[in-house]
PDB file of N, CA and C in Angstrom:
ATOM      1  N   MET A   1      89.585 125.119 139.315  1.00  0.00           N
ATOM      2  CA  MET A   1      89.502 124.296 137.711  1.00  0.00           C
ATOM      3  C   MET A   1      89.297 123.072 137.730  1.00  0.00           C
ATOM      4  N   ALA A   2      88.162 122.303 136.418  1.00  0.00           N
ATOM      5  CA  ALA A   2      88.689 120.852 136.379  1.00  0.00           C
ATOM      6  C   ALA A   2      89.563 120.549 136.022  1.00  0.00           C
ATOM      7  N   LYS A   3      89.265 119.378 136.418  1.00  0.00           N
ATOM      8  CA  LYS A   3      90.751 118.024 135.707  1.00  0.00           C
ATOM      9  C   LYS A   3      89.781 116.303 136.310  1.00  0.00           C
ATOM     10  N   LEU A   4      90.362 116.579 135.051  1.00  0.00           N
ATOM     11  CA  LEU A   4      90.327 114.599 135.153  1.00  0.00           C
ATOM     12  C   LEU A   4      91.588 113.735 135.039  1.00  0.00           C
ATOM     13  N   THR A   5      91.727 112.389 135.108  1.00  0.00           N
ATOM     14  CA  THR A   5      92.889 111.725 135.250  1.00  0.00           C
ATOM     15  C   THR A   5      92.197 110.044 135.331  1.00  0.00           C
ATOM     16  N   GLY A   6      92.991 109.905 134.522  1.00  0.00           N
ATOM     17  CA  GLY A   6      92.788 108.227 134.400  1.00  0.00           C
ATOM     18  C   GLY A   6      92.523 108.220 132.336  1.00  0.00           C
ATOM     19  N   LYS A   7      91.477 107.731 132.229  1.00  0.00           N
ATOM     20  CA  LYS A   7      91.283 107.092 130.786  1.00  0.00           C
ATOM     21  C   LYS A   7      90.342 108.473 130.145  1.00  0.00           C
ATOM     22  N   LEU A   8      91.103 109.168 129.031  1.00  0.00           N
ATOM     23  CA  LEU A   8      90.876 109.900 128.434  1.00  0.00           C
ATOM     24  C   LEU A   8      89.869 109.854 126.911  1.00  0.00           C
ATOM     25  N   GLY A   9      89.880 108.496 126.387  1.00  0.00           N
ATOM     26  CA  GLY A   9      89.864 108.377 125.353  1.00  0.00           C
ATOM     27  C   GLY A   9      89.942 106.783 125.258  1.00  0.00           C
ATOM     28  N   SER A  10      88.684 106.309 124.441  1.00  0.00           N
ATOM     29  CA  SER A  10      89.637 104.666 123.445  1.00  0.00           C
ATOM     30  C   SER A  10      89.000 104.719 122.600  1.00  0.00           C
ATOM     31  N   VAL A  11      89.104 103.537 121.496  1.00  0.00           N
ATOM     32  CA  VAL A  11      88.766 103.496 119.710  1.00  0.00           C
ATOM     33  C   VAL A  11      89.050 101.862 119.521  1.00  0.00           C
ATOM     34  N   ASP A  12      88.159 101.523 118.907  1.00  0.00           N
ATOM     35  CA  ASP A  12      88.762  99.733 118.677  1.00  0.00           C
ATOM     36  C   ASP A  12      88.935 100.331 117.058  1.00  0.00           C
ATOM     37  N   ALA A  13      90.528  99.882 116.390  1.00  0.00           N
ATOM     38  CA  ALA A  13      90.568 100.653 115.177  1.00  0.00           C
ATOM     39  C   ALA A  13      90.728  98.912 114.174  1.00  0.00           C
ATOM     40  N   ALA A  14      89.219  98.351 113.906  1.00  0.00           N
ATOM     41  CA  ALA A  14      88.688  97.754 113.657  1.00  0.00           C
ATOM     42  C   ALA A  14      89.163  97.224 111.863  1.00  0.00           C
ATOM     43  N   THR A  15      88.832  98.276 111.201  1.00  0.00           N
ATOM     44  CA  THR A  15      89.341  98.583 109.307  1.00  0.00           C
ATOM     45  C   THR A  15      90.531  99.120 109.269  1.00  0.00           C
ATOM     46  N   ALA A  16      91.318  98.089 108.413  1.00  0.00           N
ATOM     47  CA  ALA A  16      91.961  98.161 108.087  1.00  0.00           C
ATOM     48  C   ALA A  16      92.306  99.486 106.833  1.00  0.00           C
ATOM     49  N   ALA A  17      93.705 100.420 107.751  1.00  0.00           N
ATOM     50  CA  ALA A  17      93.758 101.344 106.847  1.00  0.00           C
ATOM     51  C   ALA A  17      93.055 102.665 107.024  1.00  0.00           C
ATOM     52  N   THR A  18      92.029 102.707 107.958  1.00  0.00           N
ATOM     53  CA  THR A  18      90.897 103.461 108.010  1.00  0.00           C
ATOM     54  C   THR A  18      91.474 104.947 109.603  1.00  0.00           C
ATOM     55  N   VAL A  19      91.128 105.847 109.442  1.00  0.00           N
ATOM     56  CA  VAL A  19      91.891 106.632 110.284  1.00  0.00           C
ATOM     57  C   VAL A  19      90.627 106.943 111.344  1.00  0.00           C
ATOM     58  N   TYR A  20      90.918 106.645 112.926  1.00  0.00           N
ATOM     59  CA  TYR A  20      89.923 106.176 113.774  1.00  0.00           C
ATOM     60  C   TYR A  20      90.386 107.591 114.924  1.00  0.00           C
ATOM     61  N   ALA A  21      89.166 108.489 115.273  1.00  0.00           N
ATOM     62  CA  ALA A  21      89.842 109.478 116.190  1.00  0.00           C
ATOM     63  C   ALA A  21      89.723 108.920 117.613  1.00  0.00           C
ATOM     64  N   ALA A  22      90.672 109.123 118.497  1.00  0.00           N
ATOM     65  CA  ALA A  22      90.585 108.152 119.956  1.00  0.00           C
ATOM     66  C   ALA A  22      90.187 109.019 121.078  1.00  0.00           C
ATOM     67  N   TYR A  23      90.707 110.190 120.811  1.00  0.00           N
ATOM     68  CA  TYR A  23      90.398 111.369 121.452  1.00  0.00           C
ATOM     69  C   TYR A  23      90.504 112.590 121.085  1.00  0.00           C
ATOM     70  N   THR A  24      89.917 113.745 121.801  1.00  0.00           N
ATOM     71  CA  THR A  24      89.440 115.189 121.517  1.00  0.00           C
ATOM     72  C   THR A  24      89.946 115.803 122.458  1.00  0.00           C
ATOM     73  N   VAL A  25      91.271 116.676 123.115  1.00  0.00           N
ATOM     74  CA  VAL A  25      91.370 117.362 123.912  1.00  0.00           C
ATOM     75  C   VAL A  25      89.776 118.790 123.804  1.00  0.00           C
ATOM     76  N   PRO A  26      89.275 118.432 125.015  1.00  0.00           N
ATOM     77  CA  PRO A  26      88.371 119.968 124.429  1.00  0.00           C
ATOM     78  C   PRO A  26      88.683 121.585 124.795  1.00  0.00           C
ATOM     79  N   SER A  27      88.044 122.559 124.048  1.00  0.00           N
ATOM     80  CA  SER A  27      88.410 123.410 124.296  1.00  0.00           C
ATOM     81  C   SER A  27      88.365 124.067 125.590  1.00  0.00           C
ATOM     82  N   GLY A  28      89.413 124.954 125.485  1.00  0.00           N
ATOM     83  CA  GLY A  28      89.317 125.164 126.752  1.00  0.00           C
ATOM     84  C   GLY A  28      90.126 124.584 128.171  1.00  0.00           C
ATOM     85  N   THR A  29      90.919 123.101 127.598  1.00  0.00           N
ATOM     86  CA  THR A  29      91.301 122.517 128.006  1.00  0.00           C
ATOM     87  C   THR A  29      92.724 121.944 127.536  1.00  0.00           C
ATOM     88  N   TYR A  30      93.818 121.212 128.326  1.00  0.00           N
ATOM     89  CA  TYR A  30      95.443 120.915 127.523  1.00  0.00           C
ATOM     90  C   TYR A  30      95.323 119.525 128.429  1.00  0.00           C
ATOM     91  N   ALA A  31      95.985 118.665 127.818  1.00  0.00           N
ATOM     92  CA  ALA A  31      96.001 117.219 128.182  1.00  0.00           C
ATOM     93  C   ALA A  31      96.737 116.910 128.145  1.00  0.00           C
ATOM     94  N   VAL A  32      97.699 116.219 128.983  1.00  0.00           N
ATOM     95  CA  VAL A  32      99.067 115.078 128.960  1.00  0.00           C
ATOM     96  C   VAL A  32      99.044 113.816 129.054  1.00  0.00           C
ATOM     97  N   ALA A  33      98.910 112.888 128.004  1.00  0.00           N
ATOM     98  CA  ALA A  33      98.322 111.308 127.667  1.00  0.00           C
ATOM     99  C   ALA A  33      99.543 110.749 127.191  1.00  0.00           C
ATOM    100  N   ASN A  34      99.354 109.319 127.378  1.00  0.00           N
ATOM    101  CA  ASN A  34      99.475 108.654 127.284  1.00  0.00           C
ATOM    102  C   ASN A  34      99.190 107.483 126.421  1.00  0.00           C
ATOM    103  N   ILE A  35      99.733 107.381 124.606  1.00  0.00           N
ATOM    104  CA  ILE A  35      98.854 106.390 123.765  1.00  0.00           C
ATOM    105  C   ILE A  35      99.322 104.819 123.898  1.00  0.00           C
ATOM    106  N   ARG A  36      98.103 103.897 123.817  1.00  0.00           N
ATOM    107  CA  ARG A  36      98.746 103.165 124.268  1.00  0.00           C
ATOM    108  C   ARG A  36      97.997 101.822 122.729  1.00  0.00           C
ATOM    109  N   CYS A  37      98.653 101.377 121.911  1.00  0.00           N
ATOM    110  CA  CYS A  37      97.906 100.361 120.662  1.00  0.00           C
ATOM    111  C   CYS A  37      98.468  99.300 121.436  1.00  0.00           C
ATOM    112  N   THR A  38      97.102  98.569 121.275  1.00  0.00           N
ATOM    113  CA  THR A  38      97.759  96.374 121.450  1.00  0.00           C
ATOM    114  C   THR A  38      97.090  96.300 120.457  1.00  0.00           C
ATOM    115  N   ASN A  39      97.984  95.370 118.948  1.00  0.00           N
ATOM    116  CA  ASN A  39      97.845  94.400 118.401  1.00  0.00           C
ATOM    117  C   ASN A  39      97.275  92.990 118.806  1.00  0.00           C
ATOM    118  N   ARG A  40      95.385  93.403 118.627  1.00  0.00           N
ATOM    119  CA  ARG A  40      94.993  91.980 118.712  1.00  0.00           C
ATOM    120  C   ARG A  40      95.457  91.090 117.588  1.00  0.00           C
ATOM    121  N   LEU A  41      95.853  90.931 116.603  1.00  0.00           N
ATOM    122  CA  LEU A  41      95.985  90.001 115.736  1.00  0.00           C
ATOM    123  C   LEU A  41      97.010  89.000 115.764  1.00  0.00           C
ATOM    124  N   ASN A  42      97.618  87.853 115.122  1.00  0.00           N
ATOM    125  CA  ASN A  42      98.439  86.789 115.807  1.00  0.00           C
ATOM    126  C   ASN A  42      99.681  87.192 114.052  1.00  0.00           C
ATOM    127  N   GLN A  43      99.115  88.270 113.815  1.00  0.00           N
ATOM    128  CA  GLN A  43     100.667  88.590 112.972  1.00  0.00           C
ATOM    129  C   GLN A  43     100.937  89.758 113.084  1.00  0.00           C
ATOM    130  N   ASP A  44     102.091  90.722 112.370  1.00  0.00           N
ATOM    131  CA  ASP A  44     102.578  91.891 112.910  1.00  0.00           C
ATOM    132  C   ASP A  44     101.973  93.109 112.427  1.00  0.00           C
ATOM    133  N   GLN A  45     101.528  94.397 112.181  1.00  0.00           N
ATOM    134  CA  GLN A  45     101.265  95.121 111.519  1.00  0.00           C
ATOM    135  C   GLN A  45     101.792  96.060 112.229  1.00  0.00           C
ATOM    136  N   THR A  46     101.503  97.391 110.979  1.00  0.00           N
ATOM    137  CA  THR A  46     102.182  98.539 111.555  1.00  0.00           C
ATOM    138  C   THR A  46     100.442  99.480 111.730  1.00  0.00           C
ATOM    139  N   VAL A  47     101.310 100.699 113.004  1.00  0.00           N
ATOM    140  CA  VAL A  47      99.606 101.513 112.764  1.00  0.00           C
ATOM    141  C   VAL A  47     100.958 102.762 112.552  1.00  0.00           C
ATOM    142  N   ARG A  48      99.782 103.695 112.527  1.00  0.00           N
ATOM    143  CA  ARG A  48      99.775 105.716 112.460  1.00  0.00           C
ATOM    144  C   ARG A  48      99.857 106.061 113.532  1.00  0.00           C
ATOM    145  N   VAL A  49     100.117 106.988 114.850  1.00  0.00           N
ATOM    146  CA  VAL A  49      99.307 107.412 115.577  1.00  0.00           C
ATOM    147  C   VAL A  49      99.857 109.008 114.858  1.00  0.00           C
ATOM    148  N   GLY A  50      98.840 109.942 114.836  1.00  0.00           N
ATOM    149  CA  GLY A  50      98.966 111.619 114.859  1.00  0.00           C
ATOM    150  C   GLY A  50      98.251 112.136 115.962  1.00  0.00           C
ATOM    151  N   VAL A  51      98.614 113.499 116.226  1.00  0.00           N
ATOM    152  CA  VAL A  51      98.533 114.601 117.532  1.00  0.00           C
ATOM    153  C   VAL A  51      98.306 115.874 116.750  1.00  0.00           C
ATOM    154  N   GLY A  52      96.432 115.998 116.261  1.00  0.00           N
ATOM    155  CA  GLY A  52      96.998 117.466 115.791  1.00  0.00           C
ATOM    156  C   GLY A  52      95.219 117.537 114.541  1.00  0.00           C
ATOM    157  N   SER A  53      95.137 117.014 113.795  1.00  0.00           N
ATOM    158  CA  SER A  53      93.542 117.453 113.535  1.00  0.00           C
ATOM    159  C   SER A  53      93.283 115.788 112.689  1.00  0.00           C
ATOM    160  N   ASN A  54      91.552 115.422 112.565  1.00  0.00           N
ATOM    161  CA  ASN A  54      90.802 114.467 112.515  1.00  0.00           C
ATOM    162  C   ASN A  54      91.876 113.806 111.294  1.00  0.00           C
ATOM    163  N   ALA A  55      92.030 114.751 110.215  1.00  0.00           N
ATOM    164  CA  ALA A  55      92.719 114.775 108.792  1.00  0.00           C
ATOM    165  C   ALA A  55      94.553 115.288 108.546  1.00  0.00           C
ATOM    166  N   PRO A  56      95.216 113.492 109.535  1.00  0.00           N
ATOM    167  CA  PRO A  56      96.563 114.020 109.798  1.00  0.00           C
ATOM    168  C   PRO A  56      97.491 114.102 109.356  1.00  0.00           C
ATOM    169  N   GLY A  57      98.458 115.169 108.912  1.00  0.00           N
ATOM    170  CA  GLY A  57      99.102 115.498 107.760  1.00  0.00           C
ATOM    171  C   GLY A  57     100.537 115.259 108.287  1.00  0.00           C
ATOM    172  N   ALA A  58     101.387 114.965 107.031  1.00  0.00           N
ATOM    173  CA  ALA A  58     102.959 114.978 107.645  1.00  0.00           C
ATOM    174  C   ALA A  58     103.377 115.356 109.575  1.00  0.00           C
ATOM    175  N   ALA A  59     103.215 116.907 109.352  1.00  0.00           N
ATOM    176  CA  ALA A  59     103.514 116.895 110.975  1.00  0.00           C
ATOM    177  C   ALA A  59     102.791 116.319 112.190  1.00  0.00           C
ATOM    178  N   ASP A  60     101.812 116.399 111.635  1.00  0.00           N
ATOM    179  CA  ASP A  60     101.315 115.780 112.945  1.00  0.00           C
ATOM    180  C   ASP A  60     101.848 114.289 113.079  1.00  0.00           C
ATOM    181  N   TYR A  61     102.283 113.529 112.538  1.00  0.00           N
ATOM    182  CA  TYR A  61     102.644 111.921 113.171  1.00  0.00           C
ATOM    183  C   TYR A  61     103.653 112.372 113.917  1.00  0.00           C
ATOM    184  N   ILE A  62     102.847 111.060 115.280  1.00  0.00           N
ATOM    185  CA  ILE A  62     104.238 110.964 116.332  1.00  0.00           C
ATOM    186  C   ILE A  62     104.858 109.532 115.669  1.00  0.00           C
ATOM    187  N   GLU A  63     103.830 108.714 115.494  1.00  0.00           N
ATOM    188  CA  GLU A  63     104.115 107.349 114.748  1.00  0.00           C
ATOM    189  C   GLU A  63     103.993 107.136 113.308  1.00  0.00           C
ATOM    190  N   TYR A  64     105.021 106.792 112.847  1.00  0.00           N
ATOM    191  CA  TYR A  64     103.773 106.761 111.490  1.00  0.00           C
ATOM    192  C   TYR A  64     104.772 105.237 110.970  1.00  0.00           C
ATOM    193  N   ASP A  65     104.231 104.347 110.381  1.00  0.00           N
ATOM    194  CA  ASP A  65     104.265 102.586 109.698  1.00  0.00           C
ATOM    195  C   ASP A  65     105.084 101.310 111.260  1.00  0.00           C
ATOM    196  N   ARG A  66     105.595 102.309 112.432  1.00  0.00           N
ATOM    197  CA  ARG A  66     105.308 101.711 113.560  1.00  0.00           C
ATOM    198  C   ARG A  66     104.983 100.275 113.778  1.00  0.00           C
ATOM    199  N   SER A  67     106.000  99.264 113.281  1.00  0.00           N
ATOM    200  CA  SER A  67     105.651  97.624 113.406  1.00  0.00           C
ATOM    201  C   SER A  67     105.218  97.231 115.202  1.00  0.00           C
ATOM    202  N   ILE A  68     104.440  96.575 114.985  1.00  0.00           N
ATOM    203  CA  ILE A  68     103.623  96.296 116.175  1.00  0.00           C
ATOM    204  C   ILE A  68     103.471  94.730 116.256  1.00  0.00           C
ATOM    205  N   PRO A  69     104.442  93.578 116.843  1.00  0.00           N
ATOM    206  CA  PRO A  69     104.226  92.343 116.364  1.00  0.00           C
ATOM    207  C   PRO A  69     102.929  91.498 117.157  1.00  0.00           C
ATOM    208  N   ALA A  70     102.616  90.580 116.619  1.00  0.00           N
ATOM    209  CA  ALA A  70     101.159  89.732 116.948  1.00  0.00           C
ATOM    210  C   ALA A  70     101.161  89.860 118.441  1.00  0.00           C
ATOM    211  N   PHE A  71     100.329  90.765 119.051  1.00  0.00           N
ATOM    212  CA  PHE A  71      99.858  90.391 120.357  1.00  0.00           C
ATOM    213  C   PHE A  71     100.801  91.261 121.187  1.00  0.00           C
ATOM    214  N   GLY A  72     101.399  92.413 120.816  1.00  0.00           N
ATOM    215  CA  GLY A  72     101.991  93.391 121.093  1.00  0.00           C
ATOM    216  C   GLY A  72     101.516  94.430 121.149  1.00  0.00           C
ATOM    217  N   VAL A  73     102.254  94.982 122.341  1.00  0.00           N
ATOM    218  CA  VAL A  73     102.152  97.081 122.447  1.00  0.00           C
ATOM    219  C   VAL A  73     103.132  97.584 122.235  1.00  0.00           C
ATOM    220  N   LEU A  74     102.102  99.112 121.091  1.00  0.00           N
ATOM    221  CA  LEU A  74     103.044 100.133 121.181  1.00  0.00           C
ATOM    222  C   LEU A  74     102.250 101.124 122.170  1.00  0.00           C
ATOM    223  N   GLU A  75     103.880 101.894 123.213  1.00  0.00           N
ATOM    224  CA  GLU A  75     102.976 102.606 123.806  1.00  0.00           C
ATOM    225  C   GLU A  75     103.910 104.078 123.684  1.00  0.00           C
ATOM    226  N   ASP A  76     103.382 105.066 123.575  1.00  0.00           N
ATOM    227  CA  ASP A  76     104.221 107.006 123.499  1.00  0.00           C
ATOM    228  C   ASP A  76     103.530 107.337 124.922  1.00  0.00           C
ATOM    229  N   THR A  77     104.186 108.085 125.834  1.00  0.00           N
ATOM    230  CA  THR A  77     103.754 108.410 127.226  1.00  0.00           C
ATOM    231  C   THR A  77     104.206 109.619 127.335  1.00  0.00           C
ATOM    232  N   GLY A  78     103.916 110.631 128.026  1.00  0.00           N
ATOM    233  CA  GLY A  78     103.739 112.332 128.392  1.00  0.00           C
ATOM    234  C   GLY A  78     103.381 112.810 127.229  1.00  0.00           C
ATOM    235  N   ILE A  79     102.521 112.744 126.223  1.00  0.00           N
ATOM    236  CA  ILE A  79     102.227 113.338 125.248  1.00  0.00           C
ATOM    237  C   ILE A  79     101.307 114.728 125.370  1.00  0.00           C
ATOM    238  N   ALA A  80     102.147 115.664 125.350  1.00  0.00           N
ATOM    239  CA  ALA A  80     101.467 117.072 125.391  1.00  0.00           C
ATOM    240  C   ALA A  80     100.357 117.286 124.690  1.00  0.00           C
ATOM    241  N   MET A  81      99.170 118.043 124.499  1.00  0.00           N
ATOM    242  CA  MET A  81      98.372 118.030 124.170  1.00  0.00           C
ATOM    243  C   MET A  81      97.527 119.835 124.418  1.00  0.00           C
ATOM    244  N   SER A  82      97.010 120.329 122.940  1.00  0.00           N
ATOM    245  CA  SER A  82      96.481 121.398 123.275  1.00  0.00           C
ATOM    246  C   SER A  82      95.266 121.221 123.451  1.00  0.00           C
ATOM    247  N   ALA A  83      93.983 122.281 123.554  1.00  0.00           N
ATOM    248  CA  ALA A  83      92.716 122.147 123.385  1.00  0.00           C
ATOM    249  C   ALA A  83      92.794 122.026 121.739  1.00  0.00           C
ATOM    250  N   ASN A  84      91.013 121.316 121.660  1.00  0.00           N
ATOM    251  CA  ASN A  84      91.354 120.417 120.294  1.00  0.00           C
ATOM    252  C   ASN A  84      92.203 119.993 119.664  1.00  0.00           C
ATOM    253  N   GLU A  85      93.026 119.315 119.592  1.00  0.00           N
ATOM    254  CA  GLU A  85      94.026 118.721 118.990  1.00  0.00           C
ATOM    255  C   GLU A  85      92.963 117.026 119.375  1.00  0.00           C
ATOM    256  N   ILE A  86      93.796 116.656 118.407  1.00  0.00           N
ATOM    257  CA  ILE A  86      93.029 114.805 118.687  1.00  0.00           C
ATOM    258  C   ILE A  86      93.905 113.718 117.985  1.00  0.00           C
ATOM    259  N   VAL A  87      93.654 113.111 118.894  1.00  0.00           N
ATOM    260  CA  VAL A  87      94.481 111.703 118.100  1.00  0.00           C
ATOM    261  C   VAL A  87      93.673 110.372 117.152  1.00  0.00           C
ATOM    262  N   THR A  88      94.654 110.264 116.694  1.00  0.00           N
ATOM    263  CA  THR A  88      94.437 109.614 115.016  1.00  0.00           C
ATOM    264  C   THR A  88      95.214 108.049 115.157  1.00  0.00           C
ATOM    265  N   VAL A  89      94.537 107.027 115.052  1.00  0.00           N
ATOM    266  CA  VAL A  89      94.567 106.245 114.977  1.00  0.00           C
ATOM    267  C   VAL A  89      95.059 105.545 113.335  1.00  0.00           C
ATOM    268  N   ARG A  90      95.774 104.668 112.572  1.00  0.00           N
ATOM    269  CA  ARG A  90      95.377 104.233 111.626  1.00  0.00           C
ATOM    270  C   ARG A  90      96.378 103.282 111.624  1.00  0.00           C
ATOM    271  N   ALA A  91      96.166 101.232 111.189  1.00  0.00           N
ATOM    272  CA  ALA A  91      96.334 100.410 111.901  1.00  0.00           C
ATOM    273  C   ALA A  91      96.220  99.570 109.808  1.00  0.00           C
ATOM    274  N   SER A  92      97.737  98.712 109.829  1.00  0.00           N
ATOM    275  CA  SER A  92      97.590  97.900 108.275  1.00  0.00           C
ATOM    276  C   SER A  92      96.347  96.987 108.352  1.00  0.00           C
ATOM    277  N   ALA A  93      96.420  96.732 109.488  1.00  0.00           N
ATOM    278  CA  ALA A  93      94.905  95.380 109.231  1.00  0.00           C
ATOM    279  C   ALA A  93      93.935  95.376 110.289  1.00  0.00           C
ATOM    280  N   GLY A  94      94.181  96.634 111.248  1.00  0.00           N
ATOM    281  CA  GLY A  94      92.962  96.458 111.619  1.00  0.00           C
ATOM    282  C   GLY A  94      92.777  96.046 113.046  1.00  0.00           C
ATOM    283  N   SER A  95      91.949  95.642 113.504  1.00  0.00           N
ATOM    284  CA  SER A  95      91.874  95.077 114.967  1.00  0.00           C
ATOM    285  C   SER A  95      93.475  95.599 116.031  1.00  0.00           C
ATOM    286  N   VAL A  96      93.211  96.892 116.572  1.00  0.00           N
ATOM    287  CA  VAL A  96      93.961  97.036 117.123  1.00  0.00           C
ATOM    288  C   VAL A  96      93.535  97.651 118.190  1.00  0.00           C
ATOM    289  N   SER A  97      93.006  97.903 119.686  1.00  0.00           N
ATOM    290  CA  SER A  97      92.879  98.721 120.495  1.00  0.00           C
ATOM    291  C   SER A  97      93.306  99.682 120.687  1.00  0.00           C
ATOM    292  N   VAL A  98      92.662 100.921 121.159  1.00  0.00           N
ATOM    293  CA  VAL A  98      93.982 102.251 121.290  1.00  0.00           C
ATOM    294  C   VAL A  98      93.288 102.771 122.503  1.00  0.00           C
ATOM    295  N   ARG A  99      93.848 102.644 123.669  1.00  0.00           N
ATOM    296  CA  ARG A  99      93.969 103.385 124.777  1.00  0.00           C
ATOM    297  C   ARG A  99      94.665 104.663 125.006  1.00  0.00           C
ATOM    298  N   VAL A 100      93.773 105.444 125.417  1.00  0.00           N
ATOM    299  CA  VAL A 100      94.361 107.296 125.732  1.00  0.00           C
ATOM    300  C   VAL A 100      93.918 107.421 126.779  1.00  0.00           C
ATOM    301  N   HIS A 101      95.530 107.621 128.124  1.00  0.00           N
ATOM    302  CA  HIS A 101      95.076 107.981 129.396  1.00  0.00           C
ATOM    303  C   HIS A 101      96.046 108.432 130.086  1.00  0.00           C
ATOM    304  N   GLY A 102      95.541 110.126 130.821  1.00  0.00           N
ATOM    305  CA  GLY A 102      96.595 110.478 131.569  1.00  0.00           C
ATOM    306  C   GLY A 102      95.777 111.496 132.207  1.00  0.00           C
ATOM    307  N   TYR A 103      95.990 112.894 132.025  1.00  0.00           N
ATOM    308  CA  TYR A 103      95.225 113.898 132.264  1.00  0.00           C
ATOM    309  C   TYR A 103      95.379 115.377 131.777  1.00  0.00           C
ATOM    310  N   GLN A 104      93.336 115.585 132.228  1.00  0.00           N
ATOM    311  CA  GLN A 104      93.146 116.544 131.164  1.00  0.00           C
ATOM    312  C   GLN A 104      92.786 117.632 132.501  1.00  0.00           C
ATOM    313  N   LYS A 105      93.531 118.815 131.763  1.00  0.00           N
ATOM    314  CA  LYS A 105      92.931 119.807 132.904  1.00  0.00           C
ATOM    315  C   LYS A 105      92.621 121.645 131.990  1.00  0.00           C
ATOM    316  N   ASP A 106      91.853 122.139 132.891  1.00  0.00           N
ATOM    317  CA  ASP A 106      91.367 123.396 132.667  1.00  0.00           C
ATOM    318  C   ASP A 106      92.348 124.323 132.094  1.00  0.00           C
ATOM    319  N   VAL A 107      92.028 125.238 131.463  1.00  0.00           N
ATOM    320  CA  VAL A 107      93.567 126.616 130.904  1.00  0.00           C
ATOM    321  C   VAL A 107      92.502 126.999 131.868  1.00  0.00           C
TER     322      VAL A 107
END
């Protein structure tokens, strides 16, 4: 069984109120990951983090309008994900760096 550890995906959520896909779990695999969002602005902003589809619904959000202080960090750890699930992020003001890191393994 193949496995991958470390960085699984990343994205620059550069534009406000736009949904970005940071990582998609490949078919035939599962993943356990940490999702780290870093606010690069000198002002507070909010983020939404979803795990599910590219167009997250209410049940997909693991963080919703969570405040990140200026130059601050939000990290969710130990998120178990099934094949084809997508980590999405939306920032209120843009300029958020997102890194998904952890473990991906074939089923």
